Protein backbone atom coordinates (compact mmCIF):
# COMPACT_ATOMS: atom_id res chain seq x y z
CA MET A 1 -11.56 97.49 -63.37
CA PRO A 2 -14.13 97.59 -60.56
CA TYR A 3 -12.90 97.89 -56.99
CA PRO A 4 -13.15 94.69 -54.90
CA GLN A 5 -16.20 94.41 -52.68
CA LEU A 6 -16.88 92.74 -49.36
CA ASP A 7 -19.09 89.65 -49.69
CA ARG A 8 -21.94 90.04 -47.19
CA SER A 9 -23.19 86.52 -47.91
CA LYS A 10 -20.27 85.16 -45.87
CA LEU A 11 -21.29 86.99 -42.69
CA VAL A 12 -22.44 85.00 -39.66
CA ILE A 13 -25.83 86.55 -38.96
CA LYS A 14 -27.56 85.98 -35.64
CA SER A 15 -31.22 86.31 -34.73
CA LEU A 16 -32.34 89.62 -33.30
CA THR A 17 -33.82 87.68 -30.38
CA GLN A 18 -30.26 86.82 -29.26
CA ARG A 19 -29.26 90.47 -28.94
CA PRO A 20 -29.28 92.14 -25.51
CA ASN A 21 -30.88 95.58 -25.76
CA LYS A 22 -30.69 98.70 -23.64
CA LEU A 23 -34.28 99.82 -24.16
CA SER A 24 -37.72 98.22 -23.73
CA ILE A 25 -40.65 100.08 -25.23
CA LEU A 26 -43.06 98.84 -22.54
CA LYS A 27 -40.82 100.19 -19.79
CA ASP A 28 -39.24 103.18 -21.52
CA HIS A 29 -42.06 104.75 -23.55
CA VAL A 30 -43.24 108.26 -22.69
CA LYS A 31 -46.95 108.84 -22.19
CA PRO A 32 -48.32 112.07 -23.72
CA GLU A 33 -49.81 112.96 -20.31
CA GLN A 34 -46.45 112.91 -18.53
CA THR A 35 -45.18 116.15 -17.05
CA PRO A 36 -42.09 117.61 -18.71
CA THR A 37 -39.20 119.13 -16.83
CA PRO A 38 -40.03 122.86 -16.75
CA LEU A 39 -38.40 124.93 -19.48
CA GLY A 40 -36.79 128.31 -18.79
CA THR A 41 -38.55 131.65 -19.18
CA ARG A 42 -36.88 132.37 -22.53
CA GLU A 43 -37.74 128.91 -23.84
CA MET A 44 -41.37 129.15 -22.70
CA LYS A 45 -41.74 132.46 -24.52
CA MET A 46 -40.53 130.77 -27.70
CA MET A 47 -42.86 127.84 -27.07
CA GLY A 48 -45.79 130.24 -26.84
CA GLU A 49 -44.86 131.76 -30.20
CA LEU A 50 -44.47 128.31 -31.74
CA VAL A 51 -47.84 127.10 -30.44
CA ASP A 52 -49.55 130.21 -31.81
CA ARG A 53 -47.90 129.62 -35.18
CA ILE A 54 -48.96 125.96 -35.27
CA LYS A 55 -52.56 126.79 -34.42
CA ALA A 56 -52.67 129.51 -37.07
CA ALA A 57 -51.12 127.17 -39.64
CA ARG A 58 -53.68 124.45 -39.02
CA ARG A 59 -56.60 126.92 -39.11
CA ALA A 60 -55.33 127.96 -42.53
CA ALA A 61 -54.80 124.32 -43.60
CA ARG A 62 -51.05 124.89 -43.93
CA PRO A 63 -48.41 122.23 -43.24
CA VAL A 64 -46.81 121.59 -39.88
CA VAL A 65 -43.73 119.46 -40.52
CA LEU A 66 -41.75 117.74 -37.77
CA ALA A 67 -38.27 116.48 -38.66
CA PHE A 68 -36.39 114.64 -35.92
CA GLY A 69 -33.34 112.56 -35.18
CA ALA A 70 -33.37 108.92 -34.09
CA HIS A 71 -33.12 109.77 -30.38
CA THR A 72 -36.71 110.99 -30.45
CA ILE A 73 -37.72 107.37 -31.10
CA LYS A 74 -35.02 105.88 -28.83
CA ASN A 75 -36.24 108.09 -26.00
CA GLY A 76 -39.67 106.44 -26.22
CA LEU A 77 -41.49 109.47 -27.62
CA ALA A 78 -43.48 107.70 -30.36
CA PRO A 79 -46.72 107.84 -28.28
CA VAL A 80 -46.31 111.62 -28.08
CA LEU A 81 -45.80 111.84 -31.85
CA ILE A 82 -48.87 109.65 -32.35
CA ARG A 83 -50.96 111.94 -30.13
CA LEU A 84 -49.86 115.01 -32.12
CA MET A 85 -50.78 113.26 -35.38
CA GLU A 86 -54.13 112.01 -34.12
CA GLN A 87 -55.08 115.49 -32.93
CA GLY A 88 -54.27 116.94 -36.34
CA TRP A 89 -51.35 119.14 -35.29
CA ILE A 90 -48.66 117.41 -37.36
CA THR A 91 -49.10 116.93 -41.10
CA HIS A 92 -45.71 115.42 -41.99
CA LEU A 93 -42.97 113.58 -40.09
CA ALA A 94 -39.43 113.04 -41.34
CA THR A 95 -36.52 111.15 -39.81
CA ASN A 96 -33.27 109.45 -40.74
CA GLY A 97 -32.61 105.77 -41.36
CA ALA A 98 -31.85 105.05 -37.70
CA GLY A 99 -35.19 106.52 -36.65
CA ILE A 100 -36.93 104.11 -39.03
CA ILE A 101 -34.99 101.17 -37.60
CA HIS A 102 -35.58 101.90 -33.90
CA ASP A 103 -39.30 102.44 -34.52
CA TRP A 104 -39.49 99.10 -36.34
CA GLU A 105 -37.49 97.16 -33.74
CA PHE A 106 -39.72 98.48 -30.98
CA ALA A 107 -42.83 97.43 -32.94
CA TYR A 108 -41.45 93.99 -33.80
CA LEU A 109 -39.44 93.02 -30.72
CA GLY A 110 -40.45 95.55 -28.09
CA GLN A 111 -36.77 96.35 -27.61
CA SER A 112 -34.00 98.30 -29.36
CA SER A 113 -30.55 99.88 -28.90
CA GLU A 114 -27.66 97.43 -28.79
CA ASP A 115 -24.28 97.88 -27.08
CA VAL A 116 -22.21 99.19 -29.99
CA ARG A 117 -18.79 98.96 -28.32
CA GLU A 118 -19.34 95.43 -27.11
CA ASN A 119 -20.87 94.15 -30.34
CA VAL A 120 -18.28 95.74 -32.63
CA SER A 121 -15.55 93.95 -30.66
CA ARG A 122 -17.35 90.65 -31.37
CA GLY A 123 -18.04 91.48 -35.02
CA GLU A 124 -21.78 91.44 -34.34
CA PHE A 125 -22.86 95.08 -34.36
CA GLY A 126 -25.78 95.57 -36.73
CA ILE A 127 -25.56 92.03 -38.12
CA TRP A 128 -29.00 90.79 -37.10
CA GLN A 129 -31.26 88.64 -39.23
CA GLU A 130 -34.74 90.03 -38.65
CA THR A 131 -33.84 93.73 -38.82
CA GLY A 132 -31.81 93.31 -41.98
CA PHE A 133 -34.13 90.81 -43.66
CA PHE A 134 -37.54 92.34 -43.04
CA LEU A 135 -36.66 96.03 -43.38
CA ASN A 136 -34.74 95.50 -46.61
CA LEU A 137 -37.45 93.25 -48.04
CA ALA A 138 -40.12 95.82 -47.14
CA LEU A 139 -38.15 98.47 -49.05
CA ILE A 140 -37.62 96.23 -52.09
CA ILE A 141 -41.34 95.42 -52.23
CA GLY A 142 -42.21 99.06 -51.51
CA ALA A 143 -40.02 100.18 -54.41
CA TYR A 144 -41.98 97.83 -56.69
CA GLU A 145 -45.31 99.10 -55.32
CA GLY A 146 -44.31 102.74 -55.82
CA LEU A 147 -44.08 103.54 -52.12
CA GLY A 148 -41.61 105.69 -50.22
CA TYR A 149 -39.10 104.57 -47.59
CA GLY A 150 -41.14 105.31 -44.47
CA GLU A 151 -44.42 104.26 -46.05
CA SER A 152 -42.99 100.86 -47.05
CA VAL A 153 -42.01 100.13 -43.46
CA GLY A 154 -45.15 101.66 -41.96
CA LYS A 155 -47.29 99.50 -44.23
CA MET A 156 -45.46 96.33 -43.17
CA ILE A 157 -45.89 97.19 -39.49
CA GLY A 158 -49.52 98.21 -39.86
CA ARG A 159 -50.53 95.16 -41.89
CA GLU A 160 -48.15 92.87 -39.99
CA GLY A 161 -46.78 91.28 -43.10
CA LEU A 162 -45.64 91.52 -46.71
CA ASN A 163 -47.15 90.30 -49.97
CA ILE A 164 -44.64 88.40 -52.13
CA PRO A 165 -45.57 88.40 -55.84
CA ALA A 166 -45.33 85.17 -57.82
CA ARG A 167 -42.23 84.81 -59.99
CA ASP A 168 -44.27 84.13 -63.11
CA ASP A 169 -46.31 87.29 -62.58
CA LEU A 170 -43.15 89.40 -62.36
CA ILE A 171 -41.64 87.70 -65.41
CA SER A 172 -44.85 88.35 -67.37
CA GLU A 173 -44.87 92.00 -66.31
CA ILE A 174 -41.26 92.43 -67.36
CA SER A 175 -41.75 90.58 -70.66
CA ASN A 176 -44.84 92.59 -71.60
CA PHE A 177 -43.24 95.93 -70.79
CA LYS A 178 -44.42 98.57 -73.27
CA SER A 179 -44.78 101.98 -71.66
CA SER A 180 -41.70 104.17 -71.28
CA ALA A 181 -43.52 105.87 -68.40
CA ALA A 182 -43.26 102.67 -66.37
CA THR A 183 -39.49 102.11 -66.58
CA ASP A 184 -39.04 102.61 -62.84
CA ARG A 185 -41.58 99.90 -62.01
CA LEU A 186 -40.00 97.61 -64.61
CA ALA A 187 -36.58 97.96 -63.01
CA ALA A 188 -38.07 97.49 -59.54
CA ALA A 189 -39.88 94.36 -60.74
CA ALA A 190 -36.60 92.94 -62.03
CA ASP A 191 -34.90 93.76 -58.72
CA LEU A 192 -37.69 92.08 -56.76
CA LEU A 193 -37.59 89.02 -59.01
CA GLY A 194 -33.87 88.65 -58.38
CA VAL A 195 -34.35 88.89 -54.62
CA ILE A 196 -37.18 86.33 -54.68
CA ARG A 197 -34.93 83.92 -56.58
CA ASN A 198 -31.82 84.56 -54.48
CA PHE A 199 -33.61 84.07 -51.19
CA ASP A 200 -36.10 81.46 -52.45
CA LEU A 201 -39.10 83.43 -51.22
CA LYS A 202 -42.47 81.75 -51.53
CA PRO A 203 -45.31 83.69 -53.22
CA GLY A 204 -48.22 84.98 -51.22
CA TRP A 205 -48.63 86.49 -47.79
CA MET A 206 -45.60 86.52 -45.49
CA ALA A 207 -46.83 87.15 -41.96
CA VAL A 208 -44.53 89.40 -39.92
CA PRO A 209 -46.13 89.88 -36.49
CA HIS A 210 -45.59 93.23 -34.76
CA PRO A 211 -47.02 92.72 -31.26
CA PHE A 212 -45.96 96.22 -30.16
CA LYS A 213 -47.17 98.15 -33.21
CA ALA A 214 -49.29 100.43 -31.02
CA PHE A 215 -45.99 102.12 -30.15
CA SER A 216 -44.97 102.66 -33.80
CA ALA A 217 -45.11 106.21 -35.15
CA GLN A 218 -44.67 104.83 -38.68
CA ALA A 219 -47.65 102.50 -38.34
CA ALA A 220 -49.78 105.32 -36.94
CA ALA A 221 -48.80 107.63 -39.79
CA TYR A 222 -49.69 104.91 -42.33
CA ARG A 223 -53.04 104.36 -40.60
CA LEU A 224 -53.80 108.10 -40.56
CA GLY A 225 -52.58 108.76 -44.11
CA ILE A 226 -49.92 111.20 -42.90
CA PRO A 227 -46.56 111.24 -44.72
CA PHE A 228 -43.77 109.73 -42.63
CA THR A 229 -40.66 110.06 -44.76
CA GLY A 230 -37.31 108.35 -44.28
CA HIS A 231 -34.10 110.09 -45.34
CA PRO A 232 -31.22 107.59 -45.11
CA MET A 233 -27.61 107.81 -46.22
CA ILE A 234 -25.87 104.82 -47.82
CA GLY A 235 -23.82 102.91 -45.25
CA HIS A 236 -25.12 104.81 -42.23
CA ASP A 237 -27.57 102.20 -40.97
CA ILE A 238 -27.30 98.60 -39.81
CA ILE A 239 -29.57 97.28 -42.57
CA TYR A 240 -26.65 97.71 -44.99
CA ASN A 241 -24.91 94.83 -43.18
CA HIS A 242 -27.41 92.26 -44.43
CA PRO A 243 -27.14 90.52 -47.84
CA MET A 244 -30.83 91.32 -48.47
CA ASN A 245 -29.87 95.00 -48.68
CA HIS A 246 -30.50 96.44 -52.16
CA GLY A 247 -29.13 99.83 -53.14
CA ALA A 248 -31.60 100.43 -55.96
CA ALA A 249 -34.57 99.90 -53.63
CA ILE A 250 -33.04 102.25 -51.06
CA GLY A 251 -32.59 104.86 -53.78
CA ARG A 252 -36.08 104.55 -55.24
CA THR A 253 -37.93 104.68 -51.93
CA ALA A 254 -35.73 107.39 -50.41
CA LEU A 255 -36.04 109.58 -53.50
CA ARG A 256 -39.81 109.29 -53.40
CA ASP A 257 -39.73 110.32 -49.77
CA PHE A 258 -37.50 113.30 -50.47
CA LEU A 259 -39.91 114.48 -53.18
CA SER A 260 -42.86 113.94 -50.81
CA PHE A 261 -41.03 115.98 -48.18
CA SER A 262 -40.34 118.66 -50.81
CA ASP A 263 -44.04 118.77 -51.69
CA SER A 264 -44.86 119.63 -48.08
CA ILE A 265 -42.19 122.35 -48.14
CA LEU A 266 -43.70 123.71 -51.37
CA ARG A 267 -46.85 124.51 -49.35
CA LEU A 268 -44.99 125.97 -46.36
CA GLN A 269 -46.17 129.57 -46.77
CA ASP A 270 -47.76 130.43 -43.36
CA GLY A 271 -46.76 126.94 -42.21
CA VAL A 272 -44.39 125.63 -39.55
CA TYR A 273 -41.25 123.54 -39.75
CA MET A 274 -39.79 121.98 -36.58
CA SER A 275 -36.31 120.44 -36.56
CA VAL A 276 -35.77 118.47 -33.35
CA GLY A 277 -32.40 116.94 -32.55
CA SER A 278 -31.29 116.53 -36.16
CA ALA A 279 -27.97 118.24 -36.77
CA VAL A 280 -27.37 116.90 -40.28
CA MET A 281 -30.36 115.25 -41.97
CA SER A 282 -33.01 117.89 -41.35
CA PRO A 283 -31.10 121.05 -42.39
CA MET A 284 -29.57 119.32 -45.41
CA ILE A 285 -32.81 118.05 -46.91
CA PHE A 286 -34.67 121.24 -45.99
CA GLU A 287 -32.35 123.63 -47.83
CA LYS A 288 -32.57 121.65 -51.09
CA ALA A 289 -36.32 121.15 -50.81
CA PHE A 290 -36.88 124.81 -49.95
CA SER A 291 -34.79 126.00 -52.90
CA MET A 292 -36.87 123.89 -55.29
CA ALA A 293 -40.09 125.08 -53.65
CA GLN A 294 -39.02 128.71 -53.96
CA ASN A 295 -38.10 128.14 -57.61
CA LEU A 296 -41.61 126.88 -58.37
CA ALA A 297 -43.29 129.59 -56.28
CA LEU A 298 -41.41 132.35 -58.07
CA GLN A 299 -42.45 130.97 -61.44
CA GLY A 300 -46.03 131.58 -60.35
CA GLY A 301 -45.29 135.11 -59.19
CA LEU A 302 -45.27 134.12 -55.51
CA ARG A 303 -42.64 133.83 -52.78
CA ILE A 304 -42.43 131.61 -49.71
CA ASP A 305 -41.47 134.06 -46.98
CA ARG A 306 -43.98 133.73 -44.13
CA HIS A 307 -42.89 130.34 -42.80
CA PHE A 308 -41.79 129.70 -39.23
CA ILE A 309 -38.83 127.45 -38.36
CA ALA A 310 -38.26 126.15 -34.83
CA VAL A 311 -34.91 124.46 -34.25
CA VAL A 312 -34.63 122.43 -31.05
CA ASP A 313 -31.41 120.91 -29.72
CA LEU A 314 -29.34 120.52 -26.54
CA ALA A 315 -26.45 122.84 -27.42
CA GLU A 316 -26.71 126.09 -25.49
CA SER A 317 -26.77 129.31 -27.49
CA THR A 318 -27.94 132.82 -26.67
CA TRP A 319 -27.16 134.25 -30.09
CA ASP A 320 -30.12 136.04 -31.69
CA TRP A 321 -30.00 134.71 -35.24
CA GLN A 322 -33.10 136.62 -36.27
CA THR A 323 -31.78 140.04 -35.23
CA HIS A 324 -28.05 139.69 -35.80
CA GLY A 325 -27.80 137.12 -38.60
CA GLU A 326 -24.80 134.79 -38.62
CA PRO A 327 -22.38 135.22 -35.70
CA PRO A 328 -18.68 135.89 -36.27
CA LYS A 329 -16.36 132.88 -36.53
CA ASP A 330 -14.89 133.50 -33.07
CA ASN A 331 -18.33 132.96 -31.51
CA PRO A 332 -19.18 129.31 -30.66
CA ALA A 333 -22.70 129.86 -32.03
CA TYR A 334 -21.19 130.09 -35.53
CA TYR A 335 -20.53 126.34 -35.36
CA LEU A 336 -24.14 125.42 -34.70
CA ARG A 337 -24.27 124.33 -38.33
CA TYR A 338 -27.97 123.60 -38.32
CA CYS A 339 -28.80 127.09 -37.06
CA LYS A 340 -26.58 128.61 -39.72
CA THR A 341 -28.40 126.63 -42.41
CA PHE A 342 -31.91 127.43 -41.21
CA SER A 343 -31.11 131.12 -40.66
CA ARG A 344 -30.49 131.37 -44.41
CA MET A 345 -33.90 129.96 -45.33
CA GLY A 346 -35.98 133.14 -44.96
CA GLY A 347 -39.11 133.42 -42.86
CA ALA A 348 -38.65 133.47 -39.08
CA MET A 349 -36.27 131.12 -37.25
CA ARG A 350 -36.09 130.49 -33.52
CA TYR A 351 -33.58 128.30 -31.69
CA LEU A 352 -34.78 126.61 -28.52
CA CYS A 353 -32.35 124.78 -26.23
CA ALA A 354 -34.25 121.83 -24.77
CA ASP A 355 -34.29 118.05 -24.43
CA ASN A 356 -36.53 116.51 -27.10
CA ARG A 357 -38.65 114.82 -24.40
CA ASP A 358 -39.36 118.05 -22.56
CA PHE A 359 -39.97 119.96 -25.76
CA LEU A 360 -42.46 117.50 -27.23
CA LEU A 361 -44.31 116.98 -23.95
CA ALA A 362 -44.57 120.73 -23.41
CA LEU A 363 -45.73 121.19 -27.00
CA THR A 364 -48.43 118.53 -26.62
CA ARG A 365 -49.64 120.04 -23.36
CA MET A 366 -49.73 123.62 -24.69
CA LEU A 367 -51.56 122.65 -27.87
CA GLY A 368 -54.24 121.07 -25.69
């Protein structure tokens, strides 16, 4: 007997334009030319090593991957990320579901970040029409088109709209299904058909204007052909509050993004991995991806052991993970879970205590 489920179709859903927001992208964005707060001597020494590693990696055509938490976007740093992509320093970006959402809301509305305490008390937190409708629909269509999570959203922002297939075309595709290799597309087509029927979507081009898309890191990555992967967790993000939300589409697009991320990690020998303000998502996906990459490398008689990992967060720690390994349990550094994870991943790991704004601005300036 299945467990009972909450019926999201009964929710009162308000327009995103009715929501007061804490942040405005026009007012709160960070220009790449801005001066960062000076970092300490120890941190600047690490920055110098990181910059040298990034330059060497790009000369050797090796990956430079930047994984980051949602606050990087909330703090208005998308223009800095865009500059790093445009200059060729970053080859792959990865974030969580909240990072995807804030980047989209900035591009669509020019604002983001609601008052959680206030809106939960009113039963309104995360229950907004445009965010839930357009992001979920982009993922459902992206799943059908064979795209990943971040690419689906980046494409919608960049093109400022979505293409809705005709019902008859989807029915014909499903009815004429023959190849076992195309089962994923068949299932995605059936999912999309059901959504089109349930929401009475008209075929053809659905314009979705994004007047602030110049501030979108996802749109820039899509334009530049750089992977921008989304790594969500079911129930963690506000788009799950909308009846348009579709678990199968989330799974298909997120899995594609994880495998795209893993492909970048497969080529990480002599490359660089930066984890900025992501205590859970980044270390968790990295350790699984790296294990698979090492498995494949070893089959070819190789080993990934010359990679460089820079972990950046606000928690203070003077523990030398590289020299002393894991600290004892009575040392507070032991509970920096992300450091513990990355210290087990081989190569060289450095931990840098810094605000993500100051780190990324200093990095952009030092790379030149």
